[in-house]
């Protein structure tokens, strides 16, 4: 997520009926198995990431946070991320 805070992790989860998926993070030279049920955390604004195309059904579910959400609900960003 290009608009997230650089210090915050994006949490990515993949579910479905498929096999042989791989998540690649080319700018840091990492590739991991990304089969159903795997969760991965990455600094989405800094670490490029992608998943190869596979046969089967797959849903990618991603959790991320942006500063504008904090501003909208009038809650300051935690000190731990400054």
PDB file of N, CA and C in Angstrom:
ATOM      1  N   UNK A   1       0.852  -1.176   0.000  1.00  0.00           N
ATOM      2  CA  UNK A   1       0.000   0.000   0.000  1.00  0.00           C
ATOM      3  C   UNK A   1       0.893   1.232   0.000  1.00  0.00           C
ATOM      4  N   UNK A   2       0.906   1.939  -1.075  1.00  0.00           N
ATOM      5  CA  UNK A   2       1.800   3.088  -1.236  1.00  0.00           C
ATOM      6  C   UNK A   2       1.435   4.256  -0.317  1.00  0.00           C
ATOM      7  N   UNK A   3       0.244   4.269   0.257  1.00  0.00           N
ATOM      8  CA  UNK A   3      -0.177   5.369   1.118  1.00  0.00           C
ATOM      9  C   UNK A   3      -0.077   5.056   2.607  1.00  0.00           C
ATOM     10  N   UNK A   4       0.362   3.855   2.948  1.00  0.00           N
ATOM     11  CA  UNK A   4       0.475   3.515   4.372  1.00  0.00           C
ATOM     12  C   UNK A   4       1.725   4.158   4.950  1.00  0.00           C
ATOM     13  N   UNK A   5       1.770   4.198   6.257  1.00  0.00           N
ATOM     14  CA  UNK A   5       2.931   4.728   6.962  1.00  0.00           C
ATOM     15  C   UNK A   5       4.102   3.752   6.763  1.00  0.00           C
ATOM     16  N   UNK A   6       5.275   4.270   6.466  1.00  0.00           N
ATOM     17  CA  UNK A   6       6.429   3.420   6.159  1.00  0.00           C
ATOM     18  C   UNK A   6       6.791   2.468   7.300  1.00  0.00           C
ATOM     19  N   UNK A   7       6.495   2.825   8.555  1.00  0.00           N
ATOM     20  CA  UNK A   7       6.851   1.983   9.693  1.00  0.00           C
ATOM     21  C   UNK A   7       5.831   0.893   9.995  1.00  0.00           C
ATOM     22  N   UNK A   8       4.691   0.895   9.338  1.00  0.00           N
ATOM     23  CA  UNK A   8       3.623  -0.046   9.663  1.00  0.00           C
ATOM     24  C   UNK A   8       3.616  -1.239   8.727  1.00  0.00           C
ATOM     25  N   UNK A   9       3.326  -2.401   9.283  1.00  0.00           N
ATOM     26  CA  UNK A   9       3.256  -3.627   8.509  1.00  0.00           C
ATOM     27  C   UNK A   9       1.883  -3.786   7.861  1.00  0.00           C
ATOM     28  N   UNK A  10       1.878  -4.282   6.631  1.00  0.00           N
ATOM     29  CA  UNK A  10       0.672  -4.803   6.007  1.00  0.00           C
ATOM     30  C   UNK A  10       0.658  -6.296   6.339  1.00  0.00           C
ATOM     31  N   UNK A  11      -0.492  -6.821   6.743  1.00  0.00           N
ATOM     32  CA  UNK A  11      -0.622  -8.239   7.032  1.00  0.00           C
ATOM     33  C   UNK A  11      -1.455  -8.849   5.907  1.00  0.00           C
ATOM     34  N   UNK A  12      -0.866  -9.810   5.196  1.00  0.00           N
ATOM     35  CA  UNK A  12      -1.511 -10.422   4.035  1.00  0.00           C
ATOM     36  C   UNK A  12      -1.812 -11.883   4.335  1.00  0.00           C
ATOM     37  N   UNK A  13      -3.028 -12.303   4.052  1.00  0.00           N
ATOM     38  CA  UNK A  13      -3.470 -13.672   4.268  1.00  0.00           C
ATOM     39  C   UNK A  13      -4.066 -14.193   2.978  1.00  0.00           C
ATOM     40  N   UNK A  14      -3.803 -15.439   2.681  1.00  0.00           N
ATOM     41  CA  UNK A  14      -4.357 -16.044   1.477  1.00  0.00           C
ATOM     42  C   UNK A  14      -5.160 -17.278   1.876  1.00  0.00           C
ATOM     43  N   UNK A  15      -6.361 -17.403   1.330  1.00  0.00           N
ATOM     44  CA  UNK A  15      -7.219 -18.555   1.599  1.00  0.00           C
ATOM     45  C   UNK A  15      -7.780 -19.062   0.280  1.00  0.00           C
ATOM     46  N   UNK A  16      -8.133 -20.339   0.247  1.00  0.00           N
ATOM     47  CA  UNK A  16      -8.756 -20.890  -0.943  1.00  0.00           C
ATOM     48  C   UNK A  16      -8.285 -22.304  -1.235  1.00  0.00           C
ATOM     49  N   UNK A  17      -8.684 -22.784  -2.395  1.00  0.00           N
ATOM     50  CA  UNK A  17      -8.342 -24.129  -2.836  1.00  0.00           C
ATOM     51  C   UNK A  17      -7.339 -24.062  -3.978  1.00  0.00           C
ATOM     52  N   UNK A  18      -6.053 -24.029  -3.662  1.00  0.00           N
ATOM     53  CA  UNK A  18      -5.007 -23.932  -4.671  1.00  0.00           C
ATOM     54  C   UNK A  18      -3.700 -24.432  -4.065  1.00  0.00           C
ATOM     55  N   UNK A  19      -2.709 -24.630  -4.884  1.00  0.00           N
ATOM     56  CA  UNK A  19      -1.383 -25.038  -4.413  1.00  0.00           C
ATOM     57  C   UNK A  19      -0.315 -24.335  -5.234  1.00  0.00           C
ATOM     58  N   UNK A  20       0.895 -24.422  -4.759  1.00  0.00           N
ATOM     59  CA  UNK A  20       2.095 -23.945  -5.449  1.00  0.00           C
ATOM     60  C   UNK A  20       2.180 -22.434  -5.613  1.00  0.00           C
ATOM     61  N   UNK A  21       1.529 -21.688  -4.755  1.00  0.00           N
ATOM     62  CA  UNK A  21       1.647 -20.225  -4.812  1.00  0.00           C
ATOM     63  C   UNK A  21       2.963 -19.804  -4.155  1.00  0.00           C
ATOM     64  N   UNK A  22       3.548 -18.744  -4.678  1.00  0.00           N
ATOM     65  CA  UNK A  22       4.787 -18.192  -4.139  1.00  0.00           C
ATOM     66  C   UNK A  22       4.631 -16.693  -4.010  1.00  0.00           C
ATOM     67  N   UNK A  23       5.050 -16.146  -2.872  1.00  0.00           N
ATOM     68  CA  UNK A  23       5.085 -14.695  -2.712  1.00  0.00           C
ATOM     69  C   UNK A  23       6.540 -14.264  -2.903  1.00  0.00           C
ATOM     70  N   UNK A  24       6.717 -13.285  -3.778  1.00  0.00           N
ATOM     71  CA  UNK A  24       8.059 -12.784  -4.058  1.00  0.00           C
ATOM     72  C   UNK A  24       8.186 -11.358  -3.539  1.00  0.00           C
ATOM     73  N   UNK A  25       9.318 -11.095  -2.921  1.00  0.00           N
ATOM     74  CA  UNK A  25       9.681  -9.750  -2.459  1.00  0.00           C
ATOM     75  C   UNK A  25      11.024  -9.424  -3.113  1.00  0.00           C
ATOM     76  N   UNK A  26      10.978  -9.012  -4.386  1.00  0.00           N
ATOM     77  CA  UNK A  26      12.211  -8.921  -5.179  1.00  0.00           C
ATOM     78  C   UNK A  26      13.231  -7.900  -4.692  1.00  0.00           C
ATOM     79  N   UNK A  27      12.795  -6.813  -4.107  1.00  0.00           N
ATOM     80  CA  UNK A  27      13.790  -5.810  -3.721  1.00  0.00           C
ATOM     81  C   UNK A  27      14.565  -6.183  -2.453  1.00  0.00           C
ATOM     82  N   UNK A  28      14.133  -7.259  -1.753  1.00  0.00           N
ATOM     83  CA  UNK A  28      14.932  -7.754  -0.627  1.00  0.00           C
ATOM     84  C   UNK A  28      15.356  -9.212  -0.837  1.00  0.00           C
ATOM     85  N   UNK A  29      15.061  -9.765  -2.022  1.00  0.00           N
ATOM     86  CA  UNK A  29      15.539 -11.090  -2.391  1.00  0.00           C
ATOM     87  C   UNK A  29      14.918 -12.246  -1.645  1.00  0.00           C
ATOM     88  N   UNK A  30      13.632 -12.134  -1.287  1.00  0.00           N
ATOM     89  CA  UNK A  30      12.960 -13.210  -0.548  1.00  0.00           C
ATOM     90  C   UNK A  30      11.810 -13.762  -1.382  1.00  0.00           C
ATOM     91  N   UNK A  31      11.664 -15.090  -1.336  1.00  0.00           N
ATOM     92  CA  UNK A  31      10.529 -15.766  -1.947  1.00  0.00           C
ATOM     93  C   UNK A  31      10.051 -16.827  -0.966  1.00  0.00           C
ATOM     94  N   UNK A  32       8.740 -16.862  -0.669  1.00  0.00           N
ATOM     95  CA  UNK A  32       8.202 -17.819   0.304  1.00  0.00           C
ATOM     96  C   UNK A  32       7.021 -18.573  -0.295  1.00  0.00           C
ATOM     97  N   UNK A  33       6.755 -19.762   0.244  1.00  0.00           N
ATOM     98  CA  UNK A  33       5.538 -20.498  -0.112  1.00  0.00           C
ATOM     99  C   UNK A  33       4.356 -19.697   0.406  1.00  0.00           C
ATOM    100  N   UNK A  34       3.335 -19.553  -0.414  1.00  0.00           N
ATOM    101  CA  UNK A  34       2.168 -18.748  -0.034  1.00  0.00           C
ATOM    102  C   UNK A  34       0.897 -19.550  -0.274  1.00  0.00           C
ATOM    103  N   UNK A  35       0.874 -20.740   0.311  1.00  0.00           N
ATOM    104  CA  UNK A  35      -0.290 -21.607   0.174  1.00  0.00           C
ATOM    105  C   UNK A  35      -1.417 -21.134   1.076  1.00  0.00           C
ATOM    106  N   UNK A  36      -2.590 -21.716   0.916  1.00  0.00           N
ATOM    107  CA  UNK A  36      -3.770 -21.329   1.685  1.00  0.00           C
ATOM    108  C   UNK A  36      -3.477 -21.349   3.178  1.00  0.00           C
ATOM    109  N   UNK A  37      -3.884 -20.279   3.856  1.00  0.00           N
ATOM    110  CA  UNK A  37      -3.715 -20.177   5.289  1.00  0.00           C
ATOM    111  C   UNK A  37      -2.446 -19.472   5.731  1.00  0.00           C
ATOM    112  N   UNK A  38      -1.563 -19.167   4.804  1.00  0.00           N
ATOM    113  CA  UNK A  38      -0.322 -18.479   5.158  1.00  0.00           C
ATOM    114  C   UNK A  38      -0.595 -16.995   5.384  1.00  0.00           C
ATOM    115  N   UNK A  39       0.007 -16.455   6.429  1.00  0.00           N
ATOM    116  CA  UNK A  39      -0.036 -15.012   6.680  1.00  0.00           C
ATOM    117  C   UNK A  39       1.386 -14.482   6.569  1.00  0.00           C
ATOM    118  N   UNK A  40       1.524 -13.337   5.931  1.00  0.00           N
ATOM    119  CA  UNK A  40       2.838 -12.710   5.792  1.00  0.00           C
ATOM    120  C   UNK A  40       2.710 -11.242   6.169  1.00  0.00           C
ATOM    121  N   UNK A  41       3.714 -10.721   6.840  1.00  0.00           N
ATOM    122  CA  UNK A  41       3.745  -9.310   7.176  1.00  0.00           C
ATOM    123  C   UNK A  41       4.899  -8.649   6.442  1.00  0.00           C
ATOM    124  N   UNK A  42       4.649  -7.481   5.894  1.00  0.00           N
ATOM    125  CA  UNK A  42       5.699  -6.749   5.183  1.00  0.00           C
ATOM    126  C   UNK A  42       5.430  -5.256   5.300  1.00  0.00           C
ATOM    127  N   UNK A  43       6.482  -4.485   5.245  1.00  0.00           N
ATOM    128  CA  UNK A  43       6.338  -3.038   5.175  1.00  0.00           C
ATOM    129  C   UNK A  43       5.929  -2.722   3.736  1.00  0.00           C
ATOM    130  N   UNK A  44       4.631  -2.699   3.503  1.00  0.00           N
ATOM    131  CA  UNK A  44       4.094  -2.616   2.155  1.00  0.00           C
ATOM    132  C   UNK A  44       4.524  -1.395   1.381  1.00  0.00           C
ATOM    133  N   UNK A  45       4.819  -0.329   2.060  1.00  0.00           N
ATOM    134  CA  UNK A  45       5.247   0.885   1.365  1.00  0.00           C
ATOM    135  C   UNK A  45       6.703   0.794   0.918  1.00  0.00           C
ATOM    136  N   UNK A  46       7.471  -0.066   1.567  1.00  0.00           N
ATOM    137  CA  UNK A  46       8.897  -0.176   1.282  1.00  0.00           C
ATOM    138  C   UNK A  46       9.233  -1.448   0.509  1.00  0.00           C
ATOM    139  N   UNK A  47       8.639  -2.567   0.891  1.00  0.00           N
ATOM    140  CA  UNK A  47       8.962  -3.866   0.304  1.00  0.00           C
ATOM    141  C   UNK A  47       7.978  -4.185  -0.822  1.00  0.00           C
ATOM    142  N   UNK A  48       8.498  -4.253  -2.045  1.00  0.00           N
ATOM    143  CA  UNK A  48       7.660  -4.672  -3.171  1.00  0.00           C
ATOM    144  C   UNK A  48       7.302  -6.140  -2.974  1.00  0.00           C
ATOM    145  N   UNK A  49       6.060  -6.501  -3.280  1.00  0.00           N
ATOM    146  CA  UNK A  49       5.642  -7.879  -3.097  1.00  0.00           C
ATOM    147  C   UNK A  49       4.583  -8.239  -4.128  1.00  0.00           C
ATOM    148  N   UNK A  50       4.541  -9.524  -4.480  1.00  0.00           N
ATOM    149  CA  UNK A  50       3.564 -10.021  -5.433  1.00  0.00           C
ATOM    150  C   UNK A  50       3.467 -11.529  -5.333  1.00  0.00           C
ATOM    151  N   UNK A  51       2.400 -12.069  -5.904  1.00  0.00           N
ATOM    152  CA  UNK A  51       2.144 -13.505  -5.864  1.00  0.00           C
ATOM    153  C   UNK A  51       1.950 -13.991  -7.296  1.00  0.00           C
ATOM    154  N   UNK A  52       2.534 -15.157  -7.591  1.00  0.00           N
ATOM    155  CA  UNK A  52       2.388 -15.721  -8.930  1.00  0.00           C
ATOM    156  C   UNK A  52       0.955 -16.180  -9.191  1.00  0.00           C
ATOM    157  N   UNK A  53       0.616 -16.346 -10.448  1.00  0.00           N
ATOM    158  CA  UNK A  53      -0.711 -16.839 -10.848  1.00  0.00           C
ATOM    159  C   UNK A  53      -0.735 -18.336 -10.624  1.00  0.00           C
ATOM    160  N   UNK A  54      -1.846 -18.853 -10.055  1.00  0.00           N
ATOM    161  CA  UNK A  54      -1.993 -20.296  -9.821  1.00  0.00           C
ATOM    162  C   UNK A  54      -3.380 -20.741 -10.252  1.00  0.00           C
ATOM    163  N   UNK A  55      -3.525 -22.037 -10.531  1.00  0.00           N
ATOM    164  CA  UNK A  55      -4.843 -22.610 -10.807  1.00  0.00           C
ATOM    165  C   UNK A  55      -5.580 -22.816  -9.496  1.00  0.00           C
ATOM    166  N   UNK A  56      -6.888 -22.569  -9.513  1.00  0.00           N
ATOM    167  CA  UNK A  56      -7.695 -22.764  -8.317  1.00  0.00           C
ATOM    168  C   UNK A  56      -8.334 -21.467  -7.876  1.00  0.00           C
ATOM    169  N   UNK A  57      -8.980 -21.538  -6.744  1.00  0.00           N
ATOM    170  CA  UNK A  57      -9.656 -20.371  -6.175  1.00  0.00           C
ATOM    171  C   UNK A  57      -8.799 -19.800  -5.050  1.00  0.00           C
ATOM    172  N   UNK A  58      -8.607 -18.477  -5.075  1.00  0.00           N
ATOM    173  CA  UNK A  58      -7.784 -17.848  -4.041  1.00  0.00           C
ATOM    174  C   UNK A  58      -8.372 -16.497  -3.694  1.00  0.00           C
ATOM    175  N   UNK A  59      -8.372 -16.199  -2.406  1.00  0.00           N
ATOM    176  CA  UNK A  59      -8.770 -14.876  -1.930  1.00  0.00           C
ATOM    177  C   UNK A  59      -7.591 -14.321  -1.150  1.00  0.00           C
ATOM    178  N   UNK A  60      -7.177 -13.126  -1.503  1.00  0.00           N
ATOM    179  CA  UNK A  60      -6.139 -12.437  -0.740  1.00  0.00           C
ATOM    180  C   UNK A  60      -6.816 -11.433   0.184  1.00  0.00           C
ATOM    181  N   UNK A  61      -6.512 -11.494   1.460  1.00  0.00           N
ATOM    182  CA  UNK A  61      -7.110 -10.609   2.454  1.00  0.00           C
ATOM    183  C   UNK A  61      -5.980  -9.823   3.098  1.00  0.00           C
ATOM    184  N   UNK A  62      -6.053  -8.510   3.032  1.00  0.00           N
ATOM    185  CA  UNK A  62      -4.957  -7.667   3.502  1.00  0.00           C
ATOM    186  C   UNK A  62      -5.460  -6.683   4.551  1.00  0.00           C
ATOM    187  N   UNK A  63      -4.698  -6.580   5.647  1.00  0.00           N
ATOM    188  CA  UNK A  63      -4.981  -5.580   6.677  1.00  0.00           C
ATOM    189  C   UNK A  63      -3.892  -4.524   6.596  1.00  0.00           C
ATOM    190  N   UNK A  64      -4.302  -3.283   6.582  1.00  0.00           N
ATOM    191  CA  UNK A  64      -3.340  -2.189   6.578  1.00  0.00           C
ATOM    192  C   UNK A  64      -3.979  -0.977   7.237  1.00  0.00           C
ATOM    193  N   UNK A  65      -3.166   0.008   7.566  1.00  0.00           N
ATOM    194  CA  UNK A  65      -3.664   1.215   8.222  1.00  0.00           C
ATOM    195  C   UNK A  65      -3.034   2.420   7.539  1.00  0.00           C
ATOM    196  N   UNK A  66      -3.795   3.493   7.514  1.00  0.00           N
ATOM    197  CA  UNK A  66      -3.316   4.750   6.947  1.00  0.00           C
ATOM    198  C   UNK A  66      -3.544   5.869   7.951  1.00  0.00           C
ATOM    199  N   UNK A  67      -2.715   6.897   7.856  1.00  0.00           N
ATOM    200  CA  UNK A  67      -2.866   8.041   8.757  1.00  0.00           C
ATOM    201  C   UNK A  67      -4.239   8.692   8.643  1.00  0.00           C
ATOM    202  N   UNK A  68      -4.821   8.723   7.438  1.00  0.00           N
ATOM    203  CA  UNK A  68      -6.121   9.392   7.293  1.00  0.00           C
ATOM    204  C   UNK A  68      -7.224   8.680   8.084  1.00  0.00           C
ATOM    205  N   UNK A  69      -7.064   7.392   8.366  1.00  0.00           N
ATOM    206  CA  UNK A  69      -8.030   6.688   9.223  1.00  0.00           C
ATOM    207  C   UNK A  69      -7.938   7.242  10.647  1.00  0.00           C
ATOM    208  N   UNK A  70      -6.713   7.410  11.143  1.00  0.00           N
ATOM    209  CA  UNK A  70      -6.529   7.993  12.473  1.00  0.00           C
ATOM    210  C   UNK A  70      -7.130   9.395  12.532  1.00  0.00           C
ATOM    211  N   UNK A  71      -6.890  10.170  11.499  1.00  0.00           N
ATOM    212  CA  UNK A  71      -7.429  11.529  11.468  1.00  0.00           C
ATOM    213  C   UNK A  71      -8.959  11.515  11.434  1.00  0.00           C
ATOM    214  N   UNK A  72      -9.553  10.609  10.667  1.00  0.00           N
ATOM    215  CA  UNK A  72     -11.006  10.525  10.542  1.00  0.00           C
ATOM    216  C   UNK A  72     -11.675  10.214  11.879  1.00  0.00           C
ATOM    217  N   UNK A  73     -11.077   9.308  12.659  1.00  0.00           N
ATOM    218  CA  UNK A  73     -11.679   8.924  13.948  1.00  0.00           C
ATOM    219  C   UNK A  73     -11.096   9.731  15.109  1.00  0.00           C
ATOM    220  N   UNK A  74     -10.242  10.706  14.787  1.00  0.00           N
ATOM    221  CA  UNK A  74      -9.661  11.609  15.772  1.00  0.00           C
ATOM    222  C   UNK A  74      -8.894  10.858  16.867  1.00  0.00           C
ATOM    223  N   UNK A  75      -8.072   9.904  16.423  1.00  0.00           N
ATOM    224  CA  UNK A  75      -7.214   9.133  17.323  1.00  0.00           C
ATOM    225  C   UNK A  75      -5.771   9.320  16.843  1.00  0.00           C
ATOM    226  N   UNK A  76      -4.886   9.792  17.704  1.00  0.00           N
ATOM    227  CA  UNK A  76      -3.505  10.008  17.269  1.00  0.00           C
ATOM    228  C   UNK A  76      -2.777   8.699  16.996  1.00  0.00           C
ATOM    229  N   UNK A  77      -1.797   8.772  16.117  1.00  0.00           N
ATOM    230  CA  UNK A  77      -0.958   7.629  15.843  1.00  0.00           C
ATOM    231  C   UNK A  77      -0.168   7.289  17.108  1.00  0.00           C
ATOM    232  N   UNK A  78       0.025   6.026  17.406  1.00  0.00           N
ATOM    233  CA  UNK A  78       0.773   5.603  18.590  1.00  0.00           C
ATOM    234  C   UNK A  78       2.227   6.028  18.535  1.00  0.00           C
ATOM    235  N   UNK A  79       2.813   6.335  19.684  1.00  0.00           N
ATOM    236  CA  UNK A  79       4.204   6.759  19.748  1.00  0.00           C
ATOM    237  C   UNK A  79       5.181   5.707  19.228  1.00  0.00           C
ATOM    238  N   UNK A  80       4.824   4.439  19.333  1.00  0.00           N
ATOM    239  CA  UNK A  80       5.734   3.377  18.927  1.00  0.00           C
ATOM    240  C   UNK A  80       6.073   3.426  17.442  1.00  0.00           C
ATOM    241  N   UNK A  81       5.282   4.120  16.637  1.00  0.00           N
ATOM    242  CA  UNK A  81       5.520   4.140  15.197  1.00  0.00           C
ATOM    243  C   UNK A  81       6.110   5.448  14.696  1.00  0.00           C
ATOM    244  N   UNK A  82       6.531   6.292  15.587  1.00  0.00           N
ATOM    245  CA  UNK A  82       7.115   7.566  15.159  1.00  0.00           C
ATOM    246  C   UNK A  82       8.600   7.457  14.990  1.00  0.00           C
TER     247      UNK A  82
END
